[in-house]
Amino acid sequence: MENVPGRVSRAYVGFGANLGDPAAALRSAVAELGREAGFVSAVSPVYRSAPVGVTGQPPFLNAVAALDTALPPDRLHQSGPWRPSHRQDRLHQSGP
């Protein structure tokens, strides 16, 4: 698939959090996504899920945002709340 400069595409971005105030973390991530990467056209309801693998941790809150963006996939991946500076240190591969 070829990326045409300036062309707007729809991307779907998933978020999950379970430490601190996870609901606030999801709201902040969606807001930052809109500021840095394009127009957030829709956000799913928030779903609660049990941790997988490492069970001695709080449940996760998860959501998905629909994003209209002109960024190519590699630039989209480098921007936003999924950057390493926004992540908690992971103690386990499937952990928080």
PDB file of N, CA and C in Angstrom:
ATOM      1  N   MET A   1       0.843  -1.173   0.000  1.00  0.00           N
ATOM      2  CA  MET A   1       0.000   0.000   0.000  1.00  0.00           C
ATOM      3  C   MET A   1       0.890   1.239   0.000  1.00  0.00           C
ATOM      4  N   GLU A   2       0.607   2.162  -0.854  1.00  0.00           N
ATOM      5  CA  GLU A   2       1.397   3.383  -0.991  1.00  0.00           C
ATOM      6  C   GLU A   2       0.764   4.503  -0.175  1.00  0.00           C
ATOM      7  N   ASN A   3       1.618   5.287   0.497  1.00  0.00           N
ATOM      8  CA  ASN A   3       1.134   6.458   1.228  1.00  0.00           C
ATOM      9  C   ASN A   3       1.256   7.682   0.352  1.00  0.00           C
ATOM     10  N   VAL A   4       0.155   8.340   0.094  1.00  0.00           N
ATOM     11  CA  VAL A   4       0.140   9.558  -0.695  1.00  0.00           C
ATOM     12  C   VAL A   4       0.281  10.728   0.265  1.00  0.00           C
ATOM     13  N   PRO A   5       1.306  11.603   0.099  1.00  0.00           N
ATOM     14  CA  PRO A   5       1.482  12.731   1.017  1.00  0.00           C
ATOM     15  C   PRO A   5       0.217  13.583   1.102  1.00  0.00           C
ATOM     16  N   GLY A   6      -0.166  13.927   2.344  1.00  0.00           N
ATOM     17  CA  GLY A   6      -1.333  14.770   2.560  1.00  0.00           C
ATOM     18  C   GLY A   6      -2.661  14.040   2.529  1.00  0.00           C
ATOM     19  N   ARG A   7      -2.663  12.794   2.150  1.00  0.00           N
ATOM     20  CA  ARG A   7      -3.912  12.023   2.105  1.00  0.00           C
ATOM     21  C   ARG A   7      -4.322  11.613   3.516  1.00  0.00           C
ATOM     22  N   VAL A   8      -5.567  11.805   3.837  1.00  0.00           N
ATOM     23  CA  VAL A   8      -6.068  11.441   5.155  1.00  0.00           C
ATOM     24  C   VAL A   8      -6.568   9.996   5.125  1.00  0.00           C
ATOM     25  N   SER A   9      -6.134   9.239   6.106  1.00  0.00           N
ATOM     26  CA  SER A   9      -6.540   7.836   6.236  1.00  0.00           C
ATOM     27  C   SER A   9      -7.143   7.625   7.615  1.00  0.00           C
ATOM     28  N   ARG A  10      -7.942   6.586   7.745  1.00  0.00           N
ATOM     29  CA  ARG A  10      -8.518   6.219   9.036  1.00  0.00           C
ATOM     30  C   ARG A  10      -7.614   5.168   9.672  1.00  0.00           C
ATOM     31  N   ALA A  11      -7.244   5.409  10.920  1.00  0.00           N
ATOM     32  CA  ALA A  11      -6.458   4.458  11.706  1.00  0.00           C
ATOM     33  C   ALA A  11      -7.222   4.173  12.990  1.00  0.00           C
ATOM     34  N   TYR A  12      -7.036   2.989  13.517  1.00  0.00           N
ATOM     35  CA  TYR A  12      -7.659   2.615  14.785  1.00  0.00           C
ATOM     36  C   TYR A  12      -6.539   2.348  15.780  1.00  0.00           C
ATOM     37  N   VAL A  13      -6.623   3.019  16.935  1.00  0.00           N
ATOM     38  CA  VAL A  13      -5.565   2.936  17.938  1.00  0.00           C
ATOM     39  C   VAL A  13      -6.165   2.398  19.235  1.00  0.00           C
ATOM     40  N   GLY A  14      -5.576   1.336  19.746  1.00  0.00           N
ATOM     41  CA  GLY A  14      -6.042   0.748  20.993  1.00  0.00           C
ATOM     42  C   GLY A  14      -5.229   1.253  22.170  1.00  0.00           C
ATOM     43  N   PHE A  15      -5.905   1.413  23.307  1.00  0.00           N
ATOM     44  CA  PHE A  15      -5.261   1.874  24.530  1.00  0.00           C
ATOM     45  C   PHE A  15      -5.634   0.952  25.673  1.00  0.00           C
ATOM     46  N   GLY A  16      -4.739   0.833  26.632  1.00  0.00           N
ATOM     47  CA  GLY A  16      -5.036   0.090  27.840  1.00  0.00           C
ATOM     48  C   GLY A  16      -4.214   0.649  28.989  1.00  0.00           C
ATOM     49  N   ALA A  17      -4.797   0.631  30.178  1.00  0.00           N
ATOM     50  CA  ALA A  17      -4.100   1.115  31.372  1.00  0.00           C
ATOM     51  C   ALA A  17      -4.654   0.392  32.586  1.00  0.00           C
ATOM     52  N   ASN A  18      -3.786   0.206  33.584  1.00  0.00           N
ATOM     53  CA  ASN A  18      -4.270  -0.412  34.817  1.00  0.00           C
ATOM     54  C   ASN A  18      -3.563   0.112  36.063  1.00  0.00           C
ATOM     55  N   LEU A  19      -2.727   1.106  35.934  1.00  0.00           N
ATOM     56  CA  LEU A  19      -2.019   1.646  37.095  1.00  0.00           C
ATOM     57  C   LEU A  19      -2.438   3.084  37.343  1.00  0.00           C
ATOM     58  N   GLY A  20      -2.339   3.519  38.581  1.00  0.00           N
ATOM     59  CA  GLY A  20      -2.712   4.890  38.914  1.00  0.00           C
ATOM     60  C   GLY A  20      -4.202   5.092  38.688  1.00  0.00           C
ATOM     61  N   ASP A  21      -4.536   6.093  37.885  1.00  0.00           N
ATOM     62  CA  ASP A  21      -5.932   6.373  37.519  1.00  0.00           C
ATOM     63  C   ASP A  21      -6.102   5.986  36.050  1.00  0.00           C
ATOM     64  N   PRO A  22      -6.441   4.722  35.758  1.00  0.00           N
ATOM     65  CA  PRO A  22      -6.479   4.274  34.369  1.00  0.00           C
ATOM     66  C   PRO A  22      -7.492   5.021  33.509  1.00  0.00           C
ATOM     67  N   ALA A  23      -8.621   5.430  34.073  1.00  0.00           N
ATOM     68  CA  ALA A  23      -9.604   6.177  33.282  1.00  0.00           C
ATOM     69  C   ALA A  23      -9.022   7.516  32.847  1.00  0.00           C
ATOM     70  N   ALA A  24      -8.328   8.203  33.744  1.00  0.00           N
ATOM     71  CA  ALA A  24      -7.688   9.473  33.396  1.00  0.00           C
ATOM     72  C   ALA A  24      -6.580   9.258  32.370  1.00  0.00           C
ATOM     73  N   ALA A  25      -5.848   8.149  32.500  1.00  0.00           N
ATOM     74  CA  ALA A  25      -4.786   7.852  31.534  1.00  0.00           C
ATOM     75  C   ALA A  25      -5.364   7.654  30.135  1.00  0.00           C
ATOM     76  N   LEU A  26      -6.504   6.955  30.026  1.00  0.00           N
ATOM     77  CA  LEU A  26      -7.135   6.758  28.715  1.00  0.00           C
ATOM     78  C   LEU A  26      -7.611   8.091  28.142  1.00  0.00           C
ATOM     79  N   ARG A  27      -8.254   8.920  28.964  1.00  0.00           N
ATOM     80  CA  ARG A  27      -8.714  10.236  28.487  1.00  0.00           C
ATOM     81  C   ARG A  27      -7.546  11.075  27.996  1.00  0.00           C
ATOM     82  N   SER A  28      -6.466  11.079  28.751  1.00  0.00           N
ATOM     83  CA  SER A  28      -5.272  11.850  28.384  1.00  0.00           C
ATOM     84  C   SER A  28      -4.660  11.333  27.082  1.00  0.00           C
ATOM     85  N   ALA A  29      -4.604  10.021  26.931  1.00  0.00           N
ATOM     86  CA  ALA A  29      -4.025   9.431  25.722  1.00  0.00           C
ATOM     87  C   ALA A  29      -4.841   9.790  24.482  1.00  0.00           C
ATOM     88  N   VAL A  30      -6.166   9.737  24.593  1.00  0.00           N
ATOM     89  CA  VAL A  30      -7.022  10.086  23.449  1.00  0.00           C
ATOM     90  C   VAL A  30      -6.871  11.570  23.111  1.00  0.00           C
ATOM     91  N   ALA A  31      -6.819  12.428  24.129  1.00  0.00           N
ATOM     92  CA  ALA A  31      -6.650  13.867  23.879  1.00  0.00           C
ATOM     93  C   ALA A  31      -5.310  14.143  23.203  1.00  0.00           C
ATOM     94  N   GLU A  32      -4.259  13.497  23.676  1.00  0.00           N
ATOM     95  CA  GLU A  32      -2.946  13.701  23.066  1.00  0.00           C
ATOM     96  C   GLU A  32      -2.903  13.176  21.636  1.00  0.00           C
ATOM     97  N   LEU A  33      -3.558  12.060  21.400  1.00  0.00           N
ATOM     98  CA  LEU A  33      -3.629  11.514  20.047  1.00  0.00           C
ATOM     99  C   LEU A  33      -4.216  12.556  19.096  1.00  0.00           C
ATOM    100  N   GLY A  34      -5.300  13.195  19.513  1.00  0.00           N
ATOM    101  CA  GLY A  34      -5.925  14.223  18.685  1.00  0.00           C
ATOM    102  C   GLY A  34      -5.032  15.428  18.476  1.00  0.00           C
ATOM    103  N   ARG A  35      -4.307  15.829  19.504  1.00  0.00           N
ATOM    104  CA  ARG A  35      -3.414  16.994  19.376  1.00  0.00           C
ATOM    105  C   ARG A  35      -2.239  16.710  18.455  1.00  0.00           C
ATOM    106  N   GLU A  36      -1.694  15.515  18.519  1.00  0.00           N
ATOM    107  CA  GLU A  36      -0.435  15.222  17.832  1.00  0.00           C
ATOM    108  C   GLU A  36      -0.580  14.528  16.490  1.00  0.00           C
ATOM    109  N   ALA A  37      -1.691  13.826  16.279  1.00  0.00           N
ATOM    110  CA  ALA A  37      -1.712  12.938  15.121  1.00  0.00           C
ATOM    111  C   ALA A  37      -2.871  13.140  14.164  1.00  0.00           C
ATOM    112  N   GLY A  38      -3.884  13.911  14.528  1.00  0.00           N
ATOM    113  CA  GLY A  38      -5.009  14.072  13.615  1.00  0.00           C
ATOM    114  C   GLY A  38      -6.296  14.330  14.354  1.00  0.00           C
ATOM    115  N   PHE A  39      -7.397  13.947  13.748  1.00  0.00           N
ATOM    116  CA  PHE A  39      -8.726  14.178  14.303  1.00  0.00           C
ATOM    117  C   PHE A  39      -9.295  12.862  14.824  1.00  0.00           C
ATOM    118  N   VAL A  40      -9.602  12.823  16.119  1.00  0.00           N
ATOM    119  CA  VAL A  40     -10.226  11.639  16.708  1.00  0.00           C
ATOM    120  C   VAL A  40     -11.714  11.712  16.392  1.00  0.00           C
ATOM    121  N   SER A  41     -12.170  10.842  15.509  1.00  0.00           N
ATOM    122  CA  SER A  41     -13.551  10.902  15.042  1.00  0.00           C
ATOM    123  C   SER A  41     -14.507  10.057  15.889  1.00  0.00           C
ATOM    124  N   ALA A  42     -13.986   9.118  16.656  1.00  0.00           N
ATOM    125  CA  ALA A  42     -14.839   8.286  17.509  1.00  0.00           C
ATOM    126  C   ALA A  42     -13.978   7.599  18.555  1.00  0.00           C
ATOM    127  N   VAL A  43     -14.599   7.308  19.701  1.00  0.00           N
ATOM    128  CA  VAL A  43     -13.935   6.556  20.766  1.00  0.00           C
ATOM    129  C   VAL A  43     -14.917   5.500  21.256  1.00  0.00           C
ATOM    130  N   SER A  44     -14.435   4.291  21.414  1.00  0.00           N
ATOM    131  CA  SER A  44     -15.286   3.193  21.886  1.00  0.00           C
ATOM    132  C   SER A  44     -15.656   3.392  23.351  1.00  0.00           C
ATOM    133  N   PRO A  45     -16.624   2.634  23.812  1.00  0.00           N
ATOM    134  CA  PRO A  45     -16.837   2.572  25.267  1.00  0.00           C
ATOM    135  C   PRO A  45     -15.586   1.991  25.917  1.00  0.00           C
ATOM    136  N   VAL A  46     -15.444   2.229  27.205  1.00  0.00           N
ATOM    137  CA  VAL A  46     -14.320   1.670  27.962  1.00  0.00           C
ATOM    138  C   VAL A  46     -14.721   0.283  28.449  1.00  0.00           C
ATOM    139  N   TYR A  47     -13.828  -0.669  28.257  1.00  0.00           N
ATOM    140  CA  TYR A  47     -14.052  -2.048  28.685  1.00  0.00           C
ATOM    141  C   TYR A  47     -13.054  -2.410  29.772  1.00  0.00           C
ATOM    142  N   ARG A  48     -13.495  -3.163  30.727  1.00  0.00           N
ATOM    143  CA  ARG A  48     -12.623  -3.662  31.795  1.00  0.00           C
ATOM    144  C   ARG A  48     -12.239  -5.096  31.446  1.00  0.00           C
ATOM    145  N   SER A  49     -10.961  -5.417  31.614  1.00  0.00           N
ATOM    146  CA  SER A  49     -10.517  -6.786  31.353  1.00  0.00           C
ATOM    147  C   SER A  49      -9.551  -7.236  32.433  1.00  0.00           C
ATOM    148  N   ALA A  50      -9.572  -8.512  32.687  1.00  0.00           N
ATOM    149  CA  ALA A  50      -8.664  -9.104  33.671  1.00  0.00           C
ATOM    150  C   ALA A  50      -7.267  -9.191  33.072  1.00  0.00           C
ATOM    151  N   PRO A  51      -6.249  -9.052  33.905  1.00  0.00           N
ATOM    152  CA  PRO A  51      -4.893  -9.214  33.405  1.00  0.00           C
ATOM    153  C   PRO A  51      -4.653 -10.655  32.950  1.00  0.00           C
ATOM    154  N   VAL A  52      -3.779 -10.806  31.979  1.00  0.00           N
ATOM    155  CA  VAL A  52      -3.444 -12.125  31.444  1.00  0.00           C
ATOM    156  C   VAL A  52      -1.986 -12.409  31.763  1.00  0.00           C
ATOM    157  N   GLY A  53      -1.692 -13.581  32.219  1.00  0.00           N
ATOM    158  CA  GLY A  53      -0.310 -13.957  32.503  1.00  0.00           C
ATOM    159  C   GLY A  53       0.071 -13.635  33.935  1.00  0.00           C
ATOM    160  N   VAL A  54       0.251 -12.380  34.240  1.00  0.00           N
ATOM    161  CA  VAL A  54       0.597 -11.940  35.589  1.00  0.00           C
ATOM    162  C   VAL A  54      -0.702 -11.480  36.250  1.00  0.00           C
ATOM    163  N   THR A  55      -1.240 -12.286  37.129  1.00  0.00           N
ATOM    164  CA  THR A  55      -2.575 -12.017  37.650  1.00  0.00           C
ATOM    165  C   THR A  55      -2.595 -11.151  38.901  1.00  0.00           C
ATOM    166  N   GLY A  56      -1.496 -10.922  39.558  1.00  0.00           N
ATOM    167  CA  GLY A  56      -1.473 -10.128  40.779  1.00  0.00           C
ATOM    168  C   GLY A  56      -1.396  -8.642  40.492  1.00  0.00           C
ATOM    169  N   GLN A  57      -2.271  -8.144  39.658  1.00  0.00           N
ATOM    170  CA  GLN A  57      -2.290  -6.732  39.296  1.00  0.00           C
ATOM    171  C   GLN A  57      -3.735  -6.301  39.084  1.00  0.00           C
ATOM    172  N   PRO A  58      -3.987  -4.991  39.069  1.00  0.00           N
ATOM    173  CA  PRO A  58      -5.361  -4.518  38.884  1.00  0.00           C
ATOM    174  C   PRO A  58      -5.893  -4.845  37.491  1.00  0.00           C
ATOM    175  N   PRO A  59      -7.221  -4.852  37.334  1.00  0.00           N
ATOM    176  CA  PRO A  59      -7.802  -5.053  35.999  1.00  0.00           C
ATOM    177  C   PRO A  59      -7.441  -3.887  35.079  1.00  0.00           C
ATOM    178  N   PHE A  60      -7.505  -4.139  33.801  1.00  0.00           N
ATOM    179  CA  PHE A  60      -7.205  -3.118  32.786  1.00  0.00           C
ATOM    180  C   PHE A  60      -8.479  -2.423  32.336  1.00  0.00           C
ATOM    181  N   LEU A  61      -8.361  -1.159  31.989  1.00  0.00           N
ATOM    182  CA  LEU A  61      -9.379  -0.450  31.240  1.00  0.00           C
ATOM    183  C   LEU A  61      -8.851  -0.319  29.828  1.00  0.00           C
ATOM    184  N   ASN A  62      -9.691  -0.596  28.832  1.00  0.00           N
ATOM    185  CA  ASN A  62      -9.274  -0.602  27.429  1.00  0.00           C
ATOM    186  C   ASN A  62     -10.275   0.167  26.588  1.00  0.00           C
ATOM    187  N   ALA A  63      -9.777   0.793  25.531  1.00  0.00           N
ATOM    188  CA  ALA A  63     -10.630   1.507  24.588  1.00  0.00           C
ATOM    189  C   ALA A  63      -9.917   1.581  23.245  1.00  0.00           C
ATOM    190  N   VAL A  64     -10.675   1.931  22.215  1.00  0.00           N
ATOM    191  CA  VAL A  64     -10.136   2.107  20.863  1.00  0.00           C
ATOM    192  C   VAL A  64     -10.620   3.449  20.338  1.00  0.00           C
ATOM    193  N   ALA A  65      -9.720   4.170  19.658  1.00  0.00           N
ATOM    194  CA  ALA A  65     -10.085   5.448  19.039  1.00  0.00           C
ATOM    195  C   ALA A  65      -9.932   5.343  17.529  1.00  0.00           C
ATOM    196  N   ALA A  66     -10.873   5.937  16.809  1.00  0.00           N
ATOM    197  CA  ALA A  66     -10.770   6.067  15.350  1.00  0.00           C
ATOM    198  C   ALA A  66     -10.117   7.411  15.080  1.00  0.00           C
ATOM    199  N   LEU A  67      -9.061   7.401  14.309  1.00  0.00           N
ATOM    200  CA  LEU A  67      -8.261   8.591  14.044  1.00  0.00           C
ATOM    201  C   LEU A  67      -8.197   8.859  12.553  1.00  0.00           C
ATOM    202  N   ASP A  68      -8.538  10.081  12.150  1.00  0.00           N
ATOM    203  CA  ASP A  68      -8.335  10.521  10.769  1.00  0.00           C
ATOM    204  C   ASP A  68      -7.016  11.275  10.754  1.00  0.00           C
ATOM    205  N   THR A  69      -6.042  10.746  10.022  1.00  0.00           N
ATOM    206  CA  THR A  69      -4.690  11.283  10.081  1.00  0.00           C
ATOM    207  C   THR A  69      -4.040  11.323   8.703  1.00  0.00           C
ATOM    208  N   ALA A  70      -3.180  12.302   8.506  1.00  0.00           N
ATOM    209  CA  ALA A  70      -2.377  12.378   7.290  1.00  0.00           C
ATOM    210  C   ALA A  70      -0.987  11.793   7.520  1.00  0.00           C
ATOM    211  N   LEU A  71      -0.713  11.341   8.747  1.00  0.00           N
ATOM    212  CA  LEU A  71       0.599  10.770   9.040  1.00  0.00           C
ATOM    213  C   LEU A  71       0.723   9.381   8.431  1.00  0.00           C
ATOM    214  N   PRO A  72       1.868   9.078   7.848  1.00  0.00           N
ATOM    215  CA  PRO A  72       2.101   7.696   7.401  1.00  0.00           C
ATOM    216  C   PRO A  72       2.272   6.797   8.627  1.00  0.00           C
ATOM    217  N   PRO A  73       2.082   5.497   8.484  1.00  0.00           N
ATOM    218  CA  PRO A  73       2.127   4.590   9.636  1.00  0.00           C
ATOM    219  C   PRO A  73       3.382   4.722  10.497  1.00  0.00           C
ATOM    220  N   ASP A  74       4.555   4.851   9.886  1.00  0.00           N
ATOM    221  CA  ASP A  74       5.773   4.939  10.696  1.00  0.00           C
ATOM    222  C   ASP A  74       5.791   6.213  11.541  1.00  0.00           C
ATOM    223  N   ARG A  75       5.339   7.334  11.013  1.00  0.00           N
ATOM    224  CA  ARG A  75       5.278   8.583  11.792  1.00  0.00           C
ATOM    225  C   ARG A  75       4.196   8.502  12.857  1.00  0.00           C
ATOM    226  N   LEU A  76       3.082   7.886  12.543  1.00  0.00           N
ATOM    227  CA  LEU A  76       2.017   7.732  13.525  1.00  0.00           C
ATOM    228  C   LEU A  76       2.517   6.908  14.704  1.00  0.00           C
ATOM    229  N   HIS A  77       3.254   5.864  14.415  1.00  0.00           N
ATOM    230  CA  HIS A  77       3.788   5.001  15.465  1.00  0.00           C
ATOM    231  C   HIS A  77       4.788   5.742  16.347  1.00  0.00           C
ATOM    232  N   GLN A  78       5.516   6.710  15.791  1.00  0.00           N
ATOM    233  CA  GLN A  78       6.525   7.457  16.540  1.00  0.00           C
ATOM    234  C   GLN A  78       5.939   8.604  17.356  1.00  0.00           C
ATOM    235  N   SER A  79       4.697   8.972  17.110  1.00  0.00           N
ATOM    236  CA  SER A  79       4.090  10.079  17.841  1.00  0.00           C
ATOM    237  C   SER A  79       3.068   9.546  18.822  1.00  0.00           C
ATOM    238  N   GLY A  80       2.678  10.361  19.757  1.00  0.00           N
ATOM    239  CA  GLY A  80       1.550  10.027  20.605  1.00  0.00           C
ATOM    240  C   GLY A  80       1.864   9.293  21.879  1.00  0.00           C
ATOM    241  N   PRO A  81       0.799   8.929  22.579  1.00  0.00           N
ATOM    242  CA  PRO A  81       0.926   8.383  23.923  1.00  0.00           C
ATOM    243  C   PRO A  81       1.487   6.974  24.010  1.00  0.00           C
ATOM    244  N   TRP A  82       1.772   6.322  22.919  1.00  0.00           N
ATOM    245  CA  TRP A  82       2.353   4.979  22.964  1.00  0.00           C
ATOM    246  C   TRP A  82       3.871   5.054  22.903  1.00  0.00           C
ATOM    247  N   ARG A  83       4.440   6.282  22.798  1.00  0.00           N
ATOM    248  CA  ARG A  83       5.896   6.432  22.812  1.00  0.00           C
ATOM    249  C   ARG A  83       6.441   5.901  24.125  1.00  0.00           C
ATOM    250  N   PRO A  84       7.704   5.449  24.116  1.00  0.00           N
ATOM    251  CA  PRO A  84       8.280   4.908  25.356  1.00  0.00           C
ATOM    252  C   PRO A  84       8.222   5.879  26.529  1.00  0.00           C
ATOM    253  N   SER A  85       8.283   7.188  26.295  1.00  0.00           N
ATOM    254  CA  SER A  85       8.256   8.145  27.401  1.00  0.00           C
ATOM    255  C   SER A  85       6.918   8.142  28.132  1.00  0.00           C
ATOM    256  N   HIS A  86       5.872   7.590  27.541  1.00  0.00           N
ATOM    257  CA  HIS A  86       4.557   7.554  28.166  1.00  0.00           C
ATOM    258  C   HIS A  86       4.261   6.220  28.834  1.00  0.00           C
ATOM    259  N   ARG A  87       5.082   5.260  28.626  1.00  0.00           N
ATOM    260  CA  ARG A  87       4.805   3.920  29.156  1.00  0.00           C
ATOM    261  C   ARG A  87       5.384   3.752  30.546  1.00  0.00           C
ATOM    262  N   GLN A  88       4.717   2.953  31.330  1.00  0.00           N
ATOM    263  CA  GLN A  88       5.260   2.538  32.611  1.00  0.00           C
ATOM    264  C   GLN A  88       6.374   1.533  32.330  1.00  0.00           C
ATOM    265  N   ASP A  89       7.331   1.443  33.226  1.00  0.00           N
ATOM    266  CA  ASP A  89       8.355   0.408  33.093  1.00  0.00           C
ATOM    267  C   ASP A  89       7.672  -0.946  33.234  1.00  0.00           C
ATOM    268  N   ARG A  90       7.956  -1.823  32.320  1.00  0.00           N
ATOM    269  CA  ARG A  90       7.344  -3.147  32.359  1.00  0.00           C
ATOM    270  C   ARG A  90       8.225  -4.090  33.151  1.00  0.00           C
ATOM    271  N   LEU A  91       7.625  -4.693  34.162  1.00  0.00           N
ATOM    272  CA  LEU A  91       8.355  -5.658  34.972  1.00  0.00           C
ATOM    273  C   LEU A  91       8.255  -7.049  34.388  1.00  0.00           C
ATOM    274  N   HIS A  92       7.196  -7.301  33.615  1.00  0.00           N
ATOM    275  CA  HIS A  92       6.944  -8.594  32.997  1.00  0.00           C
ATOM    276  C   HIS A  92       6.528  -8.355  31.559  1.00  0.00           C
ATOM    277  N   GLN A  93       6.781  -9.331  30.702  1.00  0.00           N
ATOM    278  CA  GLN A  93       6.412  -9.185  29.296  1.00  0.00           C
ATOM    279  C   GLN A  93       4.924  -8.895  29.121  1.00  0.00           C
ATOM    280  N   SER A  94       4.074  -9.545  29.887  1.00  0.00           N
ATOM    281  CA  SER A  94       2.633  -9.313  29.794  1.00  0.00           C
ATOM    282  C   SER A  94       2.125  -8.495  30.979  1.00  0.00           C
ATOM    283  N   GLY A  95       3.015  -7.803  31.641  1.00  0.00           N
ATOM    284  CA  GLY A  95       2.632  -7.069  32.831  1.00  0.00           C
ATOM    285  C   GLY A  95       2.385  -5.604  32.557  1.00  0.00           C
ATOM    286  N   PRO A  96       2.108  -4.868  33.635  1.00  0.00           N
ATOM    287  CA  PRO A  96       1.802  -3.445  33.496  1.00  0.00           C
ATOM    288  C   PRO A  96       3.011  -2.636  33.110  1.00  0.00           C
TER     289      PRO A  96
END
